[in-house]
Amino acid sequence: MDLELSTLNWAAIAPIAVVLIALVVYCLIDIARHDVMYLPKWAWVLICVLSIPFGAIIYLIVGRDSGGQR
């Protein structure tokens, strides 16, 4: 299957890309503002940015510090 950029349906891909970017931005802001668990903040930033969307999902499930006020 030869996939060319001109044959992609960009109207279907754009909303998904926007949601993924928004998820990563949310996680980066959350990392900057709050304490994190298990890894240093810089490591969570790398995980979130380099493995979209799985890194952000893993951060939200495992890395967020549940203690304190949110």
Protein backbone atom coordinates (compact mmCIF):
# COMPACT_ATOMS: atom_id res chain seq x y z
CA MET A 1 0.00 0.00 0.00
CA ASP A 2 1.63 3.20 -1.19
CA LEU A 3 0.43 6.12 0.93
CA GLU A 4 0.93 9.62 -0.44
CA LEU A 5 0.39 12.87 1.41
CA SER A 6 -2.02 14.10 -1.23
CA THR A 7 -4.34 11.13 -0.68
CA LEU A 8 -4.65 11.56 3.09
CA ASN A 9 -7.90 12.94 4.45
CA TRP A 10 -6.52 15.91 6.39
CA ALA A 11 -9.98 16.91 7.62
CA ALA A 12 -10.10 13.66 9.59
CA ILE A 13 -6.51 13.79 10.84
CA ALA A 14 -6.41 17.44 11.97
CA PRO A 15 -8.84 17.13 14.93
CA ILE A 16 -6.98 14.08 16.22
CA ALA A 17 -3.66 15.92 15.98
CA VAL A 18 -5.12 18.94 17.82
CA VAL A 19 -6.41 16.72 20.65
CA LEU A 20 -3.04 14.97 20.99
CA ILE A 21 -1.15 18.26 21.06
CA ALA A 22 -3.59 19.66 23.63
CA LEU A 23 -3.09 16.56 25.81
CA VAL A 24 0.68 16.94 25.75
CA VAL A 25 0.48 20.69 26.47
CA TYR A 26 -1.86 20.00 29.41
CA CYS A 27 0.60 17.46 30.80
CA LEU A 28 3.56 19.81 30.38
CA ILE A 29 1.72 22.58 32.23
CA ASP A 30 0.69 20.14 34.95
CA ILE A 31 4.28 18.93 35.33
CA ALA A 32 5.54 22.51 35.63
CA ARG A 33 2.95 23.51 38.25
CA HIS A 34 2.74 20.43 40.47
CA ASP A 35 4.88 17.80 42.12
CA VAL A 36 5.38 14.51 40.29
CA MET A 37 5.99 10.97 41.46
CA TYR A 38 8.59 8.30 40.68
CA LEU A 39 10.73 10.28 38.19
CA PRO A 40 12.18 13.79 38.04
CA LYS A 41 10.19 16.41 36.17
CA TRP A 42 12.61 16.51 33.24
CA ALA A 43 12.13 12.78 32.71
CA TRP A 44 8.35 13.11 32.64
CA VAL A 45 8.67 15.95 30.11
CA LEU A 46 10.81 13.75 27.85
CA ILE A 47 8.41 10.82 28.18
CA CYS A 48 5.39 13.00 27.36
CA VAL A 49 7.01 14.67 24.38
CA LEU A 50 8.80 11.69 22.85
CA SER A 51 6.00 9.15 23.11
CA ILE A 52 2.80 10.92 22.13
CA PRO A 53 0.10 10.02 23.30
CA PHE A 54 1.26 7.11 25.46
CA GLY A 55 3.69 9.17 27.52
CA ALA A 56 1.00 11.69 28.45
CA ILE A 57 -1.45 8.93 29.36
CA ILE A 58 1.16 7.16 31.50
CA TYR A 59 1.98 10.44 33.23
CA LEU A 60 -1.69 11.11 34.02
CA ILE A 61 -2.16 7.61 35.44
CA VAL A 62 1.16 7.07 37.24
CA GLY A 63 3.17 10.28 37.46
CA ARG A 64 0.79 12.79 38.94
CA ASP A 65 1.15 13.39 42.65
CA SER A 66 -2.30 12.68 44.04
CA GLY A 67 -1.55 14.35 47.37
CA GLY A 68 -2.27 17.99 47.95
CA GLN A 69 -4.65 20.43 46.32
CA ARG A 70 -5.18 20.34 42.55
